[in-house]
mmCIF file of all heavy atoms, coordinates in Angstrom:
data_MODEL
# 
_entry.id   MODEL 
# 
loop_
_atom_site.group_PDB 
_atom_site.id 
_atom_site.type_symbol 
_atom_site.label_atom_id 
_atom_site.label_alt_id 
_atom_site.label_comp_id 
_atom_site.label_asym_id 
_atom_site.label_entity_id 
_atom_site.label_seq_id 
_atom_site.pdbx_PDB_ins_code 
_atom_site.Cartn_x 
_atom_site.Cartn_y 
_atom_site.Cartn_z 
_atom_site.occupancy 
_atom_site.B_iso_or_equiv 
_atom_site.pdbx_formal_charge 
_atom_site.auth_seq_id 
_atom_site.auth_comp_id 
_atom_site.auth_asym_id 
_atom_site.auth_atom_id 
_atom_site.pdbx_PDB_model_num 
ATOM 1   N N   . ASN A 1 1  ? -9.811  -11.284 13.419  1.00 0.00 ? 1  ASN A N   1 
ATOM 2   C CA  . ASN A 1 1  ? -10.939 -10.759 12.654  1.00 0.00 ? 1  ASN A CA  1 
ATOM 3   C C   . ASN A 1 1  ? -10.406 -10.775 11.147  1.00 0.00 ? 1  ASN A C   1 
ATOM 4   O O   . ASN A 1 1  ? -9.580  -9.867  10.831  1.00 0.00 ? 1  ASN A O   1 
ATOM 5   C CB  . ASN A 1 1  ? -11.421 -9.434  13.039  1.00 0.00 ? 1  ASN A CB  1 
ATOM 6   C CG  . ASN A 1 1  ? -12.608 -8.957  12.319  1.00 0.00 ? 1  ASN A CG  1 
ATOM 7   O OD1 . ASN A 1 1  ? -12.684 -8.882  11.143  1.00 0.00 ? 1  ASN A OD1 1 
ATOM 8   N ND2 . ASN A 1 1  ? -13.686 -8.719  13.058  1.00 0.00 ? 1  ASN A ND2 1 
ATOM 9   N N   . TYR A 1 2  ? -10.922 -11.655 10.402  1.00 0.00 ? 2  TYR A N   1 
ATOM 10  C CA  . TYR A 1 2  ? -10.447 -11.836 9.025   1.00 0.00 ? 2  TYR A CA  1 
ATOM 11  C C   . TYR A 1 2  ? -10.637 -10.506 8.238   1.00 0.00 ? 2  TYR A C   1 
ATOM 12  O O   . TYR A 1 2  ? -9.811  -10.006 7.404   1.00 0.00 ? 2  TYR A O   1 
ATOM 13  C CB  . TYR A 1 2  ? -11.103 -12.984 8.281   1.00 0.00 ? 2  TYR A CB  1 
ATOM 14  C CG  . TYR A 1 2  ? -10.820 -13.030 6.801   1.00 0.00 ? 2  TYR A CG  1 
ATOM 15  C CD1 . TYR A 1 2  ? -9.588  -13.702 6.461   1.00 0.00 ? 2  TYR A CD1 1 
ATOM 16  C CD2 . TYR A 1 2  ? -11.700 -12.548 5.848   1.00 0.00 ? 2  TYR A CD2 1 
ATOM 17  C CE1 . TYR A 1 2  ? -9.356  -13.657 4.990   1.00 0.00 ? 2  TYR A CE1 1 
ATOM 18  C CE2 . TYR A 1 2  ? -11.349 -12.713 4.512   1.00 0.00 ? 2  TYR A CE2 1 
ATOM 19  C CZ  . TYR A 1 2  ? -10.220 -13.216 4.047   1.00 0.00 ? 2  TYR A CZ  1 
ATOM 20  O OH  . TYR A 1 2  ? -9.963  -13.231 2.768   1.00 0.00 ? 2  TYR A OH  1 
ATOM 21  N N   . GLY A 1 3  ? -11.809 -10.000 8.326   1.00 0.00 ? 3  GLY A N   1 
ATOM 22  C CA  . GLY A 1 3  ? -12.237 -8.683  7.636   1.00 0.00 ? 3  GLY A CA  1 
ATOM 23  C C   . GLY A 1 3  ? -11.308 -7.551  7.950   1.00 0.00 ? 3  GLY A C   1 
ATOM 24  O O   . GLY A 1 3  ? -10.849 -6.818  6.999   1.00 0.00 ? 3  GLY A O   1 
ATOM 25  N N   . ILE A 1 4  ? -11.062 -7.361  9.214   1.00 0.00 ? 4  ILE A N   1 
ATOM 26  C CA  . ILE A 1 4  ? -10.185 -6.214  9.562   1.00 0.00 ? 4  ILE A CA  1 
ATOM 27  C C   . ILE A 1 4  ? -8.801  -6.437  9.055   1.00 0.00 ? 4  ILE A C   1 
ATOM 28  O O   . ILE A 1 4  ? -8.219  -5.442  8.570   1.00 0.00 ? 4  ILE A O   1 
ATOM 29  C CB  . ILE A 1 4  ? -10.166 -6.014  11.077  1.00 0.00 ? 4  ILE A CB  1 
ATOM 30  C CG1 . ILE A 1 4  ? -11.550 -5.557  11.577  1.00 0.00 ? 4  ILE A CG1 1 
ATOM 31  C CG2 . ILE A 1 4  ? -9.089  -4.979  11.501  1.00 0.00 ? 4  ILE A CG2 1 
ATOM 32  C CD1 . ILE A 1 4  ? -11.688 -5.392  13.033  1.00 0.00 ? 4  ILE A CD1 1 
ATOM 33  N N   . MET A 1 5  ? -8.264  -7.761  9.206   1.00 0.00 ? 5  MET A N   1 
ATOM 34  C CA  . MET A 1 5  ? -6.920  -7.952  8.754   1.00 0.00 ? 5  MET A CA  1 
ATOM 35  C C   . MET A 1 5  ? -6.820  -7.745  7.232   1.00 0.00 ? 5  MET A C   1 
ATOM 36  O O   . MET A 1 5  ? -5.845  -7.220  6.738   1.00 0.00 ? 5  MET A O   1 
ATOM 37  C CB  . MET A 1 5  ? -6.505  -9.350  9.108   1.00 0.00 ? 5  MET A CB  1 
ATOM 38  C CG  . MET A 1 5  ? -5.070  -9.695  8.996   1.00 0.00 ? 5  MET A CG  1 
ATOM 39  S SD  . MET A 1 5  ? -4.016  -8.705  10.055  1.00 0.00 ? 5  MET A SD  1 
ATOM 40  C CE  . MET A 1 5  ? -2.376  -9.030  9.502   1.00 0.00 ? 5  MET A CE  1 
ATOM 41  N N   . LYS A 1 6  ? -7.793  -8.264  6.572   1.00 0.00 ? 6  LYS A N   1 
ATOM 42  C CA  . LYS A 1 6  ? -7.868  -8.134  5.098   1.00 0.00 ? 6  LYS A CA  1 
ATOM 43  C C   . LYS A 1 6  ? -7.700  -6.634  4.679   1.00 0.00 ? 6  LYS A C   1 
ATOM 44  O O   . LYS A 1 6  ? -7.023  -6.215  3.698   1.00 0.00 ? 6  LYS A O   1 
ATOM 45  C CB  . LYS A 1 6  ? -9.073  -8.827  4.462   1.00 0.00 ? 6  LYS A CB  1 
ATOM 46  C CG  . LYS A 1 6  ? -9.110  -8.755  2.914   1.00 0.00 ? 6  LYS A CG  1 
ATOM 47  C CD  . LYS A 1 6  ? -10.387 -9.366  2.451   1.00 0.00 ? 6  LYS A CD  1 
ATOM 48  C CE  . LYS A 1 6  ? -10.507 -9.188  0.918   1.00 0.00 ? 6  LYS A CE  1 
ATOM 49  N NZ  . LYS A 1 6  ? -11.808 -9.785  0.420   1.00 0.00 ? 6  LYS A NZ  1 
ATOM 50  N N   . ASN A 1 7  ? -8.546  -5.761  5.350   1.00 0.00 ? 7  ASN A N   1 
ATOM 51  C CA  . ASN A 1 7  ? -8.531  -4.294  5.038   1.00 0.00 ? 7  ASN A CA  1 
ATOM 52  C C   . ASN A 1 7  ? -7.220  -3.672  5.379   1.00 0.00 ? 7  ASN A C   1 
ATOM 53  O O   . ASN A 1 7  ? -6.764  -2.865  4.544   1.00 0.00 ? 7  ASN A O   1 
ATOM 54  C CB  . ASN A 1 7  ? -9.665  -3.673  5.807   1.00 0.00 ? 7  ASN A CB  1 
ATOM 55  C CG  . ASN A 1 7  ? -11.018 -4.035  5.267   1.00 0.00 ? 7  ASN A CG  1 
ATOM 56  O OD1 . ASN A 1 7  ? -11.180 -4.385  4.181   1.00 0.00 ? 7  ASN A OD1 1 
ATOM 57  N ND2 . ASN A 1 7  ? -12.057 -3.864  6.142   1.00 0.00 ? 7  ASN A ND2 1 
ATOM 58  N N   . LEU A 1 8  ? -6.561  -4.058  6.440   1.00 0.00 ? 8  LEU A N   1 
ATOM 59  C CA  . LEU A 1 8  ? -5.333  -3.448  6.871   1.00 0.00 ? 8  LEU A CA  1 
ATOM 60  C C   . LEU A 1 8  ? -4.169  -3.875  5.741   1.00 0.00 ? 8  LEU A C   1 
ATOM 61  O O   . LEU A 1 8  ? -3.340  -2.962  5.301   1.00 0.00 ? 8  LEU A O   1 
ATOM 62  C CB  . LEU A 1 8  ? -4.810  -3.996  8.154   1.00 0.00 ? 8  LEU A CB  1 
ATOM 63  C CG  . LEU A 1 8  ? -5.582  -3.309  9.462   1.00 0.00 ? 8  LEU A CG  1 
ATOM 64  C CD1 . LEU A 1 8  ? -5.216  -4.100  10.674  1.00 0.00 ? 8  LEU A CD1 1 
ATOM 65  C CD2 . LEU A 1 8  ? -5.345  -1.923  9.484   1.00 0.00 ? 8  LEU A CD2 1 
ATOM 66  N N   . ILE A 1 9  ? -4.263  -5.151  5.274   1.00 0.00 ? 9  ILE A N   1 
ATOM 67  C CA  . ILE A 1 9  ? -3.334  -5.625  4.294   1.00 0.00 ? 9  ILE A CA  1 
ATOM 68  C C   . ILE A 1 9  ? -3.581  -4.821  3.010   1.00 0.00 ? 9  ILE A C   1 
ATOM 69  O O   . ILE A 1 9  ? -2.627  -4.366  2.318   1.00 0.00 ? 9  ILE A O   1 
ATOM 70  C CB  . ILE A 1 9  ? -3.478  -7.073  3.994   1.00 0.00 ? 9  ILE A CB  1 
ATOM 71  C CG1 . ILE A 1 9  ? -3.002  -7.850  5.313   1.00 0.00 ? 9  ILE A CG1 1 
ATOM 72  C CG2 . ILE A 1 9  ? -2.659  -7.491  2.742   1.00 0.00 ? 9  ILE A CG2 1 
ATOM 73  C CD1 . ILE A 1 9  ? -3.271  -9.414  5.230   1.00 0.00 ? 9  ILE A CD1 1 
ATOM 74  N N   . HIS A 1 10 ? -4.777  -4.618  2.675   1.00 0.00 ? 10 HIS A N   1 
ATOM 75  C CA  . HIS A 1 10 ? -5.122  -3.884  1.431   1.00 0.00 ? 10 HIS A CA  1 
ATOM 76  C C   . HIS A 1 10 ? -4.583  -2.438  1.518   1.00 0.00 ? 10 HIS A C   1 
ATOM 77  O O   . HIS A 1 10 ? -4.055  -1.828  0.488   1.00 0.00 ? 10 HIS A O   1 
ATOM 78  C CB  . HIS A 1 10 ? -6.653  -3.918  1.210   1.00 0.00 ? 10 HIS A CB  1 
ATOM 79  C CG  . HIS A 1 10 ? -7.123  -3.028  0.101   1.00 0.00 ? 10 HIS A CG  1 
ATOM 80  N ND1 . HIS A 1 10 ? -6.916  -3.408  -1.221  1.00 0.00 ? 10 HIS A ND1 1 
ATOM 81  C CD2 . HIS A 1 10 ? -7.777  -1.858  0.161   1.00 0.00 ? 10 HIS A CD2 1 
ATOM 82  C CE1 . HIS A 1 10 ? -7.508  -2.408  -2.011  1.00 0.00 ? 10 HIS A CE1 1 
ATOM 83  N NE2 . HIS A 1 10 ? -7.997  -1.501  -1.219  1.00 0.00 ? 10 HIS A NE2 1 
ATOM 84  N N   . GLU A 1 11 ? -4.915  -1.780  2.600   1.00 0.00 ? 11 GLU A N   1 
ATOM 85  C CA  . GLU A 1 11 ? -4.428  -0.411  2.794   1.00 0.00 ? 11 GLU A CA  1 
ATOM 86  C C   . GLU A 1 11 ? -2.971  -0.247  2.704   1.00 0.00 ? 11 GLU A C   1 
ATOM 87  O O   . GLU A 1 11 ? -2.399  0.770   2.201   1.00 0.00 ? 11 GLU A O   1 
ATOM 88  C CB  . GLU A 1 11 ? -5.030  0.272   4.039   1.00 0.00 ? 11 GLU A CB  1 
ATOM 89  C CG  . GLU A 1 11 ? -6.529  0.359   4.043   1.00 0.00 ? 11 GLU A CG  1 
ATOM 90  C CD  . GLU A 1 11 ? -7.086  1.333   3.096   1.00 0.00 ? 11 GLU A CD  1 
ATOM 91  O OE1 . GLU A 1 11 ? -6.346  2.273   2.709   1.00 0.00 ? 11 GLU A OE1 1 
ATOM 92  O OE2 . GLU A 1 11 ? -8.165  1.097   2.438   1.00 0.00 ? 11 GLU A OE2 1 
ATOM 93  N N   . LEU A 1 12 ? -2.310  -1.156  3.428   1.00 0.00 ? 12 LEU A N   1 
ATOM 94  C CA  . LEU A 1 12 ? -0.839  -1.114  3.354   1.00 0.00 ? 12 LEU A CA  1 
ATOM 95  C C   . LEU A 1 12 ? -0.224  -1.333  1.940   1.00 0.00 ? 12 LEU A C   1 
ATOM 96  O O   . LEU A 1 12 ? 0.735   -0.756  1.541   1.00 0.00 ? 12 LEU A O   1 
ATOM 97  C CB  . LEU A 1 12 ? -0.188  -2.159  4.390   1.00 0.00 ? 12 LEU A CB  1 
ATOM 98  C CG  . LEU A 1 12 ? 1.265   -2.043  4.615   1.00 0.00 ? 12 LEU A CG  1 
ATOM 99  C CD1 . LEU A 1 12 ? 1.688   -0.629  5.147   1.00 0.00 ? 12 LEU A CD1 1 
ATOM 100 C CD2 . LEU A 1 12 ? 1.759   -3.032  5.670   1.00 0.00 ? 12 LEU A CD2 1 
ATOM 101 N N   . THR A 1 13 ? -0.838  -2.282  1.230   1.00 0.00 ? 13 THR A N   1 
ATOM 102 C CA  . THR A 1 13 ? -0.494  -2.492  -0.194  1.00 0.00 ? 13 THR A CA  1 
ATOM 103 C C   . THR A 1 13 ? -0.653  -1.184  -0.961  1.00 0.00 ? 13 THR A C   1 
ATOM 104 O O   . THR A 1 13 ? 0.212   -0.849  -1.853  1.00 0.00 ? 13 THR A O   1 
ATOM 105 C CB  . THR A 1 13 ? -1.317  -3.638  -0.794  1.00 0.00 ? 13 THR A CB  1 
ATOM 106 O OG1 . THR A 1 13 ? -1.253  -4.797  0.062   1.00 0.00 ? 13 THR A OG1 1 
ATOM 107 C CG2 . THR A 1 13 ? -0.857  -3.910  -2.178  1.00 0.00 ? 13 THR A CG2 1 
ATOM 108 N N   . LYS A 1 14 ? -1.762  -0.418  -0.812  1.00 0.00 ? 14 LYS A N   1 
ATOM 109 C CA  . LYS A 1 14 ? -1.984  0.735   -1.438  1.00 0.00 ? 14 LYS A CA  1 
ATOM 110 C C   . LYS A 1 14 ? -0.820  1.861   -1.230  1.00 0.00 ? 14 LYS A C   1 
ATOM 111 O O   . LYS A 1 14 ? -0.391  2.522   -2.049  1.00 0.00 ? 14 LYS A O   1 
ATOM 112 C CB  . LYS A 1 14 ? -3.390  1.457   -1.088  1.00 0.00 ? 14 LYS A CB  1 
ATOM 113 C CG  . LYS A 1 14 ? -4.559  0.642   -1.704  1.00 0.00 ? 14 LYS A CG  1 
ATOM 114 C CD  . LYS A 1 14 ? -5.876  1.155   -1.094  1.00 0.00 ? 14 LYS A CD  1 
ATOM 115 C CE  . LYS A 1 14 ? -6.056  2.621   -1.351  1.00 0.00 ? 14 LYS A CE  1 
ATOM 116 N NZ  . LYS A 1 14 ? -7.371  3.025   -0.760  1.00 0.00 ? 14 LYS A NZ  1 
ATOM 117 N N   . LEU A 1 15 ? -0.388  1.864   0.046   1.00 0.00 ? 15 LEU A N   1 
ATOM 118 C CA  . LEU A 1 15 ? 0.683   2.723   0.445   1.00 0.00 ? 15 LEU A CA  1 
ATOM 119 C C   . LEU A 1 15 ? 1.937   2.321   -0.249  1.00 0.00 ? 15 LEU A C   1 
ATOM 120 O O   . LEU A 1 15 ? 2.756   3.113   -0.640  1.00 0.00 ? 15 LEU A O   1 
ATOM 121 C CB  . LEU A 1 15 ? 0.961   2.666   1.966   1.00 0.00 ? 15 LEU A CB  1 
ATOM 122 C CG  . LEU A 1 15 ? -0.029  3.444   2.830   1.00 0.00 ? 15 LEU A CG  1 
ATOM 123 C CD1 . LEU A 1 15 ? 0.215   3.358   4.346   1.00 0.00 ? 15 LEU A CD1 1 
ATOM 124 C CD2 . LEU A 1 15 ? -0.139  4.969   2.388   1.00 0.00 ? 15 LEU A CD2 1 
ATOM 125 N N   . GLU A 1 16 ? 2.227   0.992   -0.430  1.00 0.00 ? 16 GLU A N   1 
ATOM 126 C CA  . GLU A 1 16 ? 3.401   0.506   -1.119  1.00 0.00 ? 16 GLU A CA  1 
ATOM 127 C C   . GLU A 1 16 ? 3.311   0.955   -2.516  1.00 0.00 ? 16 GLU A C   1 
ATOM 128 O O   . GLU A 1 16 ? 4.341   1.406   -3.186  1.00 0.00 ? 16 GLU A O   1 
ATOM 129 C CB  . GLU A 1 16 ? 3.455   -1.068  -1.068  1.00 0.00 ? 16 GLU A CB  1 
ATOM 130 C CG  . GLU A 1 16 ? 3.832   -1.636  0.242   1.00 0.00 ? 16 GLU A CG  1 
ATOM 131 C CD  . GLU A 1 16 ? 3.880   -3.174  0.136   1.00 0.00 ? 16 GLU A CD  1 
ATOM 132 O OE1 . GLU A 1 16 ? 3.009   -3.729  -0.629  1.00 0.00 ? 16 GLU A OE1 1 
ATOM 133 O OE2 . GLU A 1 16 ? 4.779   -3.805  0.683   1.00 0.00 ? 16 GLU A OE2 1 
ATOM 134 N N   . GLU A 1 17 ? 2.162   0.787   -3.116  1.00 0.00 ? 17 GLU A N   1 
ATOM 135 C CA  . GLU A 1 17 ? 2.053   1.188   -4.543  1.00 0.00 ? 17 GLU A CA  1 
ATOM 136 C C   . GLU A 1 17 ? 2.312   2.803   -4.759  1.00 0.00 ? 17 GLU A C   1 
ATOM 137 O O   . GLU A 1 17 ? 3.022   3.173   -5.635  1.00 0.00 ? 17 GLU A O   1 
ATOM 138 C CB  . GLU A 1 17 ? 0.628   0.891   -5.104  1.00 0.00 ? 17 GLU A CB  1 
ATOM 139 C CG  . GLU A 1 17 ? 0.385   -0.590  -5.183  1.00 0.00 ? 17 GLU A CG  1 
ATOM 140 C CD  . GLU A 1 17 ? -0.991  -0.941  -5.389  1.00 0.00 ? 17 GLU A CD  1 
ATOM 141 O OE1 . GLU A 1 17 ? -1.952  -0.166  -5.236  1.00 0.00 ? 17 GLU A OE1 1 
ATOM 142 O OE2 . GLU A 1 17 ? -1.295  -2.197  -5.574  1.00 0.00 ? 17 GLU A OE2 1 
ATOM 143 N N   . GLU A 1 18 ? 1.768   3.529   -3.820  1.00 0.00 ? 18 GLU A N   1 
ATOM 144 C CA  . GLU A 1 18 ? 2.000   5.123   -3.842  1.00 0.00 ? 18 GLU A CA  1 
ATOM 145 C C   . GLU A 1 18 ? 3.450   5.278   -3.734  1.00 0.00 ? 18 GLU A C   1 
ATOM 146 O O   . GLU A 1 18 ? 4.099   6.216   -4.392  1.00 0.00 ? 18 GLU A O   1 
ATOM 147 C CB  . GLU A 1 18 ? 1.198   5.743   -2.800  1.00 0.00 ? 18 GLU A CB  1 
ATOM 148 C CG  . GLU A 1 18 ? -0.268  5.775   -2.948  1.00 0.00 ? 18 GLU A CG  1 
ATOM 149 C CD  . GLU A 1 18 ? -0.964  6.339   -1.789  1.00 0.00 ? 18 GLU A CD  1 
ATOM 150 O OE1 . GLU A 1 18 ? -0.394  7.051   -1.007  1.00 0.00 ? 18 GLU A OE1 1 
ATOM 151 O OE2 . GLU A 1 18 ? -2.210  6.136   -1.645  1.00 0.00 ? 18 GLU A OE2 1 
ATOM 152 N N   . PHE A 1 19 ? 4.134   4.491   -2.816  1.00 0.00 ? 19 PHE A N   1 
ATOM 153 C CA  . PHE A 1 19 ? 5.520   4.735   -2.589  1.00 0.00 ? 19 PHE A CA  1 
ATOM 154 C C   . PHE A 1 19 ? 6.489   4.424   -3.748  1.00 0.00 ? 19 PHE A C   1 
ATOM 155 O O   . PHE A 1 19 ? 7.311   5.184   -4.143  1.00 0.00 ? 19 PHE A O   1 
ATOM 156 C CB  . PHE A 1 19 ? 5.927   3.754   -1.373  1.00 0.00 ? 19 PHE A CB  1 
ATOM 157 C CG  . PHE A 1 19 ? 7.488   3.817   -1.070  1.00 0.00 ? 19 PHE A CG  1 
ATOM 158 C CD1 . PHE A 1 19 ? 8.044   4.834   -0.422  1.00 0.00 ? 19 PHE A CD1 1 
ATOM 159 C CD2 . PHE A 1 19 ? 8.245   2.695   -1.454  1.00 0.00 ? 19 PHE A CD2 1 
ATOM 160 C CE1 . PHE A 1 19 ? 9.453   4.905   -0.259  1.00 0.00 ? 19 PHE A CE1 1 
ATOM 161 C CE2 . PHE A 1 19 ? 9.582   2.706   -1.255  1.00 0.00 ? 19 PHE A CE2 1 
ATOM 162 C CZ  . PHE A 1 19 ? 10.175  3.792   -0.600  1.00 0.00 ? 19 PHE A CZ  1 
ATOM 163 N N   . ILE A 1 20 ? 6.211   3.306   -4.418  1.00 0.00 ? 20 ILE A N   1 
ATOM 164 C CA  . ILE A 1 20 ? 7.038   2.894   -5.555  1.00 0.00 ? 20 ILE A CA  1 
ATOM 165 C C   . ILE A 1 20 ? 6.858   3.747   -6.808  1.00 0.00 ? 20 ILE A C   1 
ATOM 166 O O   . ILE A 1 20 ? 7.768   4.146   -7.571  1.00 0.00 ? 20 ILE A O   1 
ATOM 167 C CB  . ILE A 1 20 ? 6.871   1.392   -6.044  1.00 0.00 ? 20 ILE A CB  1 
ATOM 168 C CG1 . ILE A 1 20 ? 5.428   1.133   -6.460  1.00 0.00 ? 20 ILE A CG1 1 
ATOM 169 C CG2 . ILE A 1 20 ? 7.269   0.554   -4.937  1.00 0.00 ? 20 ILE A CG2 1 
ATOM 170 C CD1 . ILE A 1 20 ? 5.165   -0.300  -6.881  1.00 0.00 ? 20 ILE A CD1 1 
ATOM 171 N N   . VAL A 1 21 ? 5.625   4.365   -6.925  1.00 0.00 ? 21 VAL A N   1 
ATOM 172 C CA  . VAL A 1 21 ? 5.449   5.375   -7.962  1.00 0.00 ? 21 VAL A CA  1 
ATOM 173 C C   . VAL A 1 21 ? 6.137   6.661   -7.644  1.00 0.00 ? 21 VAL A C   1 
ATOM 174 O O   . VAL A 1 21 ? 6.812   7.290   -8.509  1.00 0.00 ? 21 VAL A O   1 
ATOM 175 C CB  . VAL A 1 21 ? 3.910   5.741   -8.111  1.00 0.00 ? 21 VAL A CB  1 
ATOM 176 C CG1 . VAL A 1 21 ? 3.704   6.923   -9.024  1.00 0.00 ? 21 VAL A CG1 1 
ATOM 177 C CG2 . VAL A 1 21 ? 3.209   4.524   -8.622  1.00 0.00 ? 21 VAL A CG2 1 
ATOM 178 N N   . LEU A 1 22 ? 6.076   7.041   -6.348  1.00 0.00 ? 22 LEU A N   1 
ATOM 179 C CA  . LEU A 1 22 ? 6.880   8.251   -5.887  1.00 0.00 ? 22 LEU A CA  1 
ATOM 180 C C   . LEU A 1 22 ? 8.382   8.083   -6.058  1.00 0.00 ? 22 LEU A C   1 
ATOM 181 O O   . LEU A 1 22 ? 9.061   8.943   -6.504  1.00 0.00 ? 22 LEU A O   1 
ATOM 182 C CB  . LEU A 1 22 ? 6.555   8.615   -4.515  1.00 0.00 ? 22 LEU A CB  1 
ATOM 183 C CG  . LEU A 1 22 ? 7.123   9.805   -3.896  1.00 0.00 ? 22 LEU A CG  1 
ATOM 184 C CD1 . LEU A 1 22 ? 6.485   11.012  -4.541  1.00 0.00 ? 22 LEU A CD1 1 
ATOM 185 C CD2 . LEU A 1 22 ? 6.829   9.903   -2.330  1.00 0.00 ? 22 LEU A CD2 1 
ATOM 186 N N   . GLU A 1 23 ? 8.883   6.880   -5.732  1.00 0.00 ? 23 GLU A N   1 
ATOM 187 C CA  . GLU A 1 23 ? 10.310  6.512   -5.826  1.00 0.00 ? 23 GLU A CA  1 
ATOM 188 C C   . GLU A 1 23 ? 10.796  6.657   -7.311  1.00 0.00 ? 23 GLU A C   1 
ATOM 189 O O   . GLU A 1 23 ? 11.707  7.232   -7.629  1.00 0.00 ? 23 GLU A O   1 
ATOM 190 C CB  . GLU A 1 23 ? 10.555  5.129   -5.471  1.00 0.00 ? 23 GLU A CB  1 
ATOM 191 C CG  . GLU A 1 23 ? 10.597  4.980   -3.829  1.00 0.00 ? 23 GLU A CG  1 
ATOM 192 C CD  . GLU A 1 23 ? 11.922  5.523   -3.315  1.00 0.00 ? 23 GLU A CD  1 
ATOM 193 O OE1 . GLU A 1 23 ? 13.032  4.853   -3.529  1.00 0.00 ? 23 GLU A OE1 1 
ATOM 194 O OE2 . GLU A 1 23 ? 11.872  6.484   -2.520  1.00 0.00 ? 23 GLU A OE2 1 
ATOM 195 N N   . TYR A 1 24 ? 9.909   6.071   -8.295  1.00 0.00 ? 24 TYR A N   1 
ATOM 196 C CA  . TYR A 1 24 ? 10.168  6.135   -9.626  1.00 0.00 ? 24 TYR A CA  1 
ATOM 197 C C   . TYR A 1 24 ? 10.213  7.584   -10.151 1.00 0.00 ? 24 TYR A C   1 
ATOM 198 O O   . TYR A 1 24 ? 11.069  8.101   -10.873 1.00 0.00 ? 24 TYR A O   1 
ATOM 199 C CB  . TYR A 1 24 ? 9.105   5.265   -10.441 1.00 0.00 ? 24 TYR A CB  1 
ATOM 200 C CG  . TYR A 1 24 ? 9.286   5.433   -11.880 1.00 0.00 ? 24 TYR A CG  1 
ATOM 201 C CD1 . TYR A 1 24 ? 10.366  4.714   -12.550 1.00 0.00 ? 24 TYR A CD1 1 
ATOM 202 C CD2 . TYR A 1 24 ? 8.525   6.165   -12.703 1.00 0.00 ? 24 TYR A CD2 1 
ATOM 203 C CE1 . TYR A 1 24 ? 10.570  4.751   -13.987 1.00 0.00 ? 24 TYR A CE1 1 
ATOM 204 C CE2 . TYR A 1 24 ? 8.661   6.271   -14.091 1.00 0.00 ? 24 TYR A CE2 1 
ATOM 205 C CZ  . TYR A 1 24 ? 9.741   5.540   -14.733 1.00 0.00 ? 24 TYR A CZ  1 
ATOM 206 O OH  . TYR A 1 24 ? 9.883   5.650   -16.069 1.00 0.00 ? 24 TYR A OH  1 
ATOM 207 N N   . SER A 1 25 ? 9.161   8.351   -9.812  1.00 0.00 ? 25 SER A N   1 
ATOM 208 C CA  . SER A 1 25 ? 9.096   9.722   -10.236 1.00 0.00 ? 25 SER A CA  1 
ATOM 209 C C   . SER A 1 25 ? 10.153  10.633  -9.783  1.00 0.00 ? 25 SER A C   1 
ATOM 210 O O   . SER A 1 25 ? 10.639  11.490  -10.461 1.00 0.00 ? 25 SER A O   1 
ATOM 211 C CB  . SER A 1 25 ? 7.690   10.241  -9.858  1.00 0.00 ? 25 SER A CB  1 
ATOM 212 O OG  . SER A 1 25 ? 6.632   9.574   -10.442 1.00 0.00 ? 25 SER A OG  1 
ATOM 213 N N   . SER A 1 26 ? 10.637  10.358  -8.555  1.00 0.00 ? 26 SER A N   1 
ATOM 214 C CA  . SER A 1 26 ? 11.654  11.177  -7.994  1.00 0.00 ? 26 SER A CA  1 
ATOM 215 C C   . SER A 1 26 ? 12.958  11.158  -8.701  1.00 0.00 ? 26 SER A C   1 
ATOM 216 O O   . SER A 1 26 ? 13.834  11.928  -8.621  1.00 0.00 ? 26 SER A O   1 
ATOM 217 C CB  . SER A 1 26 ? 11.875  10.857  -6.440  1.00 0.00 ? 26 SER A CB  1 
ATOM 218 O OG  . SER A 1 26 ? 12.417  9.509   -6.369  1.00 0.00 ? 26 SER A OG  1 
ATOM 219 N N   . LYS A 1 27 ? 13.108  10.016  -9.476  1.00 0.00 ? 27 LYS A N   1 
ATOM 220 C CA  . LYS A 1 27 ? 14.410  9.769   -10.145 1.00 0.00 ? 27 LYS A CA  1 
ATOM 221 C C   . LYS A 1 27 ? 14.406  10.440  -11.552 1.00 0.00 ? 27 LYS A C   1 
ATOM 222 O O   . LYS A 1 27 ? 15.443  10.528  -12.260 1.00 0.00 ? 27 LYS A O   1 
ATOM 223 C CB  . LYS A 1 27 ? 14.728  8.326   -10.304 1.00 0.00 ? 27 LYS A CB  1 
ATOM 224 C CG  . LYS A 1 27 ? 14.861  7.570   -8.932  1.00 0.00 ? 27 LYS A CG  1 
ATOM 225 C CD  . LYS A 1 27 ? 15.111  6.164   -9.088  1.00 0.00 ? 27 LYS A CD  1 
ATOM 226 C CE  . LYS A 1 27 ? 15.185  5.438   -7.705  1.00 0.00 ? 27 LYS A CE  1 
ATOM 227 N NZ  . LYS A 1 27 ? 15.184  3.970   -7.826  1.00 0.00 ? 27 LYS A NZ  1 
# 
């Protein structure tokens, strides 16, 4: 299902973005 897969990739990308911001701030 292209739609579901696209949404999962989008959500995981958002988690990556949150993570790298957190990593930067923690330093």
